[in-house]
Amino acid sequence: MSSPEMSYPFRFERRYEVVARAFGVTPQRTAILVAGGRLRARFGPWSIDTPLTNLTTVSLTGPYAFLKTAGPAHLGFTDHGLTFATNSQAGVCVEFVEPISGIDPFGRIRHPNLTLTPADCAGLASALGGLRSAA
C-alpha cells in the first residue's frame, strides 16, 4: 500500500515574499511534498528530491536573520547546507546520510542538510519520521 501524498505549503512573511519574487520564488512556485517514500521540495527554480531513507536528523529550527535567509535559495558557506526560507520565525532542518544536490543545475555542489520553512513545521517533521537527532 502506498503512502498518501502530503503537501506542506511554505509560510511566507510579507517582507520575504517581496524579496523572493525577484528570484522567481512565489507561493505558486513553492511546494514541499512527502509521498511515495520521498521528500520533494520546490523553491522557485530550485528543487530537491531524496528518499526518506536518506534522512538522519529532523529538527525544528529558527528564528533566522532576514539578511541571511531572504530571497533565493541560500548556500551555507561553512557547511554547504541549503536553505529554502520564506519566513524568519521557524523551520525544519533535515540532515542527510548522503548529501543532496539542489543549489546548482549540474549537481556539483552537495548539501549535507536542508532547511525548509513550512506553515506547519511540526506536521512536516512528523511526516518525515518525527523529530530525531543523530545517534
C-alpha atoms as a PDB file:
ATOM      1  CA  MET A   1       0.000   0.000   0.000  1.00  0.00           C
ATOM      2  CA  SER A   2       1.401   3.409  -0.952  1.00  0.00           C
ATOM      3  CA  SER A   3       1.524   6.285   1.484  1.00  0.00           C
ATOM      4  CA  PRO A   4      -0.708   9.292   0.827  1.00  0.00           C
ATOM      5  CA  GLU A   5       0.795  12.436  -0.642  1.00  0.00           C
ATOM      6  CA  MET A   6       1.189  15.103   2.000  1.00  0.00           C
ATOM      7  CA  SER A   7       1.731  18.707   0.967  1.00  0.00           C
ATOM      8  CA  TYR A   8       3.173  21.380   3.253  1.00  0.00           C
ATOM      9  CA  PRO A   9       2.989  24.910   1.868  1.00  0.00           C
ATOM     10  CA  PHE A  10       5.688  27.390   2.761  1.00  0.00           C
ATOM     11  CA  ARG A  11       4.732  30.109   5.250  1.00  0.00           C
ATOM     12  CA  PHE A  12       5.555  33.449   3.635  1.00  0.00           C
ATOM     13  CA  GLU A  13       6.222  36.571   5.658  1.00  0.00           C
ATOM     14  CA  ARG A  14       5.332  39.592   3.550  1.00  0.00           C
ATOM     15  CA  ARG A  15       8.872  41.000   3.559  1.00  0.00           C
ATOM     16  CA  TYR A  16      10.277  37.631   2.430  1.00  0.00           C
ATOM     17  CA  GLU A  17       7.671  37.344  -0.310  1.00  0.00           C
ATOM     18  CA  VAL A  18       8.597  40.754  -1.735  1.00  0.00           C
ATOM     19  CA  VAL A  19      12.316  39.927  -1.931  1.00  0.00           C
ATOM     20  CA  ALA A  20      11.809  36.326  -3.099  1.00  0.00           C
ATOM     21  CA  ARG A  21       9.621  37.358  -6.032  1.00  0.00           C
ATOM     22  CA  ALA A  22      12.675  38.905  -7.745  1.00  0.00           C
ATOM     23  CA  PHE A  23      14.219  35.400  -7.830  1.00  0.00           C
ATOM     24  CA  GLY A  24      11.121  33.579  -9.119  1.00  0.00           C
ATOM     25  CA  VAL A  25      10.114  32.340  -5.662  1.00  0.00           C
ATOM     26  CA  THR A  26       6.376  32.821  -5.123  1.00  0.00           C
ATOM     27  CA  PRO A  27       3.734  30.879  -3.198  1.00  0.00           C
ATOM     28  CA  GLN A  28       2.621  29.367  -6.524  1.00  0.00           C
ATOM     29  CA  ARG A  29       6.159  28.180  -7.332  1.00  0.00           C
ATOM     30  CA  THR A  30       6.976  26.612  -3.970  1.00  0.00           C
ATOM     31  CA  ALA A  31       5.988  23.250  -2.552  1.00  0.00           C
ATOM     32  CA  ILE A  32       7.043  20.647  -0.021  1.00  0.00           C
ATOM     33  CA  LEU A  33       5.741  17.148  -0.728  1.00  0.00           C
ATOM     34  CA  VAL A  34       6.162  13.913   1.189  1.00  0.00           C
ATOM     35  CA  ALA A  35       4.914  10.985  -0.896  1.00  0.00           C
ATOM     36  CA  GLY A  36       5.984   7.584  -2.125  1.00  0.00           C
ATOM     37  CA  GLY A  37       8.780   7.383   0.423  1.00  0.00           C
ATOM     38  CA  ARG A  38      10.359  10.615  -0.848  1.00  0.00           C
ATOM     39  CA  LEU A  39      10.841  14.227   0.196  1.00  0.00           C
ATOM     40  CA  ARG A  40      10.476  16.706  -2.641  1.00  0.00           C
ATOM     41  CA  ALA A  41      10.702  20.473  -2.357  1.00  0.00           C
ATOM     42  CA  ARG A  42      10.442  23.218  -4.940  1.00  0.00           C
ATOM     43  CA  PHE A  43      11.594  26.769  -4.289  1.00  0.00           C
ATOM     44  CA  GLY A  44      11.111  28.769  -7.466  1.00  0.00           C
ATOM     45  CA  PRO A  45      13.768  27.486  -9.896  1.00  0.00           C
ATOM     46  CA  TRP A  46      15.451  25.274  -7.253  1.00  0.00           C
ATOM     47  CA  SER A  47      14.314  21.803  -6.262  1.00  0.00           C
ATOM     48  CA  ILE A  48      15.364  18.736  -4.302  1.00  0.00           C
ATOM     49  CA  ASP A  49      14.211  15.120  -4.351  1.00  0.00           C
ATOM     50  CA  THR A  50      15.523  12.462  -1.977  1.00  0.00           C
ATOM     51  CA  PRO A  51      14.252   9.214  -0.438  1.00  0.00           C
ATOM     52  CA  LEU A  52      13.107   9.391   3.176  1.00  0.00           C
ATOM     53  CA  THR A  53      15.669   6.670   3.934  1.00  0.00           C
ATOM     54  CA  ASN A  54      18.343   9.321   3.242  1.00  0.00           C
ATOM     55  CA  LEU A  55      17.244  11.402   6.264  1.00  0.00           C
ATOM     56  CA  THR A  56      19.189  11.085   9.502  1.00  0.00           C
ATOM     57  CA  THR A  57      18.145  14.068  11.614  1.00  0.00           C
ATOM     58  CA  VAL A  58      14.959  16.147  11.626  1.00  0.00           C
ATOM     59  CA  SER A  59      14.860  19.172  13.917  1.00  0.00           C
ATOM     60  CA  LEU A  60      12.888  22.358  14.451  1.00  0.00           C
ATOM     61  CA  THR A  61      14.968  25.494  13.964  1.00  0.00           C
ATOM     62  CA  GLY A  62      14.690  29.282  13.944  1.00  0.00           C
ATOM     63  CA  PRO A  63      14.486  32.164  14.234  1.00  0.00           C
ATOM     64  CA  TYR A  64      16.571  33.281  11.238  1.00  0.00           C
ATOM     65  CA  ALA A  65      18.272  36.529  10.293  1.00  0.00           C
ATOM     66  CA  PHE A  66      16.399  38.199   7.434  1.00  0.00           C
ATOM     67  CA  LEU A  67      19.547  39.288   5.576  1.00  0.00           C
ATOM     68  CA  LYS A  68      20.958  35.746   5.668  1.00  0.00           C
ATOM     69  CA  THR A  69      17.813  33.941   4.514  1.00  0.00           C
ATOM     70  CA  ALA A  70      15.542  36.193   2.414  1.00  0.00           C
ATOM     71  CA  GLY A  71      15.417  35.921  -1.373  1.00  0.00           C
ATOM     72  CA  PRO A  72      16.780  32.982  -3.339  1.00  0.00           C
ATOM     73  CA  ALA A  73      17.917  29.571  -2.132  1.00  0.00           C
ATOM     74  CA  HIS A  74      20.890  30.055   0.187  1.00  0.00           C
ATOM     75  CA  LEU A  75      24.096  28.065   0.408  1.00  0.00           C
ATOM     76  CA  GLY A  76      25.771  27.867   3.822  1.00  0.00           C
ATOM     77  CA  PHE A  77      29.402  28.849   3.408  1.00  0.00           C
ATOM     78  CA  THR A  78      30.688  26.810   6.340  1.00  0.00           C
ATOM     79  CA  ASP A  79      28.794  23.539   5.830  1.00  0.00           C
ATOM     80  CA  HIS A  80      27.271  23.849   2.306  1.00  0.00           C
ATOM     81  CA  GLY A  81      23.798  23.437   3.799  1.00  0.00           C
ATOM     82  CA  LEU A  82      20.874  24.542   1.651  1.00  0.00           C
ATOM     83  CA  THR A  83      18.113  26.860   2.872  1.00  0.00           C
ATOM     84  CA  PHE A  84      14.692  27.464   1.310  1.00  0.00           C
ATOM     85  CA  ALA A  85      13.388  30.206   3.650  1.00  0.00           C
ATOM     86  CA  THR A  86      10.174  32.204   3.426  1.00  0.00           C
ATOM     87  CA  ASN A  87       9.943  33.492   6.987  1.00  0.00           C
ATOM     88  CA  SER A  88      12.201  34.428   9.874  1.00  0.00           C
ATOM     89  CA  GLN A  89      10.333  32.555  12.594  1.00  0.00           C
ATOM     90  CA  ALA A  90      10.629  28.790  12.288  1.00  0.00           C
ATOM     91  CA  GLY A  91      11.565  25.912  10.051  1.00  0.00           C
ATOM     92  CA  VAL A  92      12.585  22.291   9.816  1.00  0.00           C
ATOM     93  CA  CYS A  93      16.198  21.252   9.272  1.00  0.00           C
ATOM     94  CA  VAL A  94      16.808  17.855   7.720  1.00  0.00           C
ATOM     95  CA  GLU A  95      20.236  16.213   7.665  1.00  0.00           C
ATOM     96  CA  PHE A  96      21.113  13.547   5.129  1.00  0.00           C
ATOM     97  CA  VAL A  97      23.087  10.309   5.038  1.00  0.00           C
ATOM     98  CA  GLU A  98      24.253  11.134   1.507  1.00  0.00           C
ATOM     99  CA  PRO A  99      24.416  14.845   0.625  1.00  0.00           C
ATOM    100  CA  ILE A 100      21.877  16.000  -1.969  1.00  0.00           C
ATOM    101  CA  SER A 101      22.091  18.368  -4.924  1.00  0.00           C
ATOM    102  CA  GLY A 102      19.925  21.463  -5.160  1.00  0.00           C
ATOM    103  CA  ILE A 103      21.637  24.830  -5.489  1.00  0.00           C
ATOM    104  CA  ASP A 104      23.318  24.402  -8.864  1.00  0.00           C
ATOM    105  CA  PRO A 105      21.790  22.932 -12.025  1.00  0.00           C
ATOM    106  CA  PHE A 106      24.652  20.472 -12.545  1.00  0.00           C
ATOM    107  CA  GLY A 107      24.537  18.906  -9.072  1.00  0.00           C
ATOM    108  CA  ARG A 108      28.218  19.535  -8.389  1.00  0.00           C
ATOM    109  CA  ILE A 109      27.602  21.150  -5.016  1.00  0.00           C
ATOM    110  CA  ARG A 110      26.233  18.666  -2.495  1.00  0.00           C
ATOM    111  CA  HIS A 111      24.307  19.630   0.637  1.00  0.00           C
ATOM    112  CA  PRO A 112      24.525  17.706   3.938  1.00  0.00           C
ATOM    113  CA  ASN A 113      21.355  19.421   5.202  1.00  0.00           C
ATOM    114  CA  LEU A 114      18.308  21.384   4.096  1.00  0.00           C
ATOM    115  CA  THR A 115      16.234  23.944   5.982  1.00  0.00           C
ATOM    116  CA  LEU A 116      12.600  24.455   4.935  1.00  0.00           C
ATOM    117  CA  THR A 117      10.071  26.930   6.372  1.00  0.00           C
ATOM    118  CA  PRO A 118       6.592  25.400   6.048  1.00  0.00           C
ATOM    119  CA  ALA A 119       3.432  26.744   7.635  1.00  0.00           C
ATOM    120  CA  ASP A 120       3.201  23.513   9.664  1.00  0.00           C
ATOM    121  CA  CYS A 121       6.692  22.724  10.960  1.00  0.00           C
ATOM    122  CA  ALA A 122       5.517  20.055  13.412  1.00  0.00           C
ATOM    123  CA  GLY A 123       3.385  18.380  10.737  1.00  0.00           C
ATOM    124  CA  LEU A 124       6.280  18.225   8.278  1.00  0.00           C
ATOM    125  CA  ALA A 125       8.645  16.901  10.963  1.00  0.00           C
ATOM    126  CA  SER A 126       6.101  14.197  11.794  1.00  0.00           C
ATOM    127  CA  ALA A 127       5.669  13.247   8.127  1.00  0.00           C
ATOM    128  CA  LEU A 128       9.445  12.916   7.825  1.00  0.00           C
ATOM    129  CA  GLY A 129       9.515  10.356  10.594  1.00  0.00           C
ATOM    130  CA  GLY A 130       9.305  12.629  13.610  1.00  0.00           C
ATOM    131  CA  LEU A 131      11.879  14.748  15.334  1.00  0.00           C
ATOM    132  CA  ARG A 132      15.065  12.801  15.703  1.00  0.00           C
ATOM    133  CA  SER A 133      18.689  13.524  16.272  1.00  0.00           C
ATOM    134  CA  ALA A 134      21.861  11.821  15.209  1.00  0.00           C
ATOM    135  CA  ALA A 135      22.746   8.872  17.413  1.00  0.00           C
END
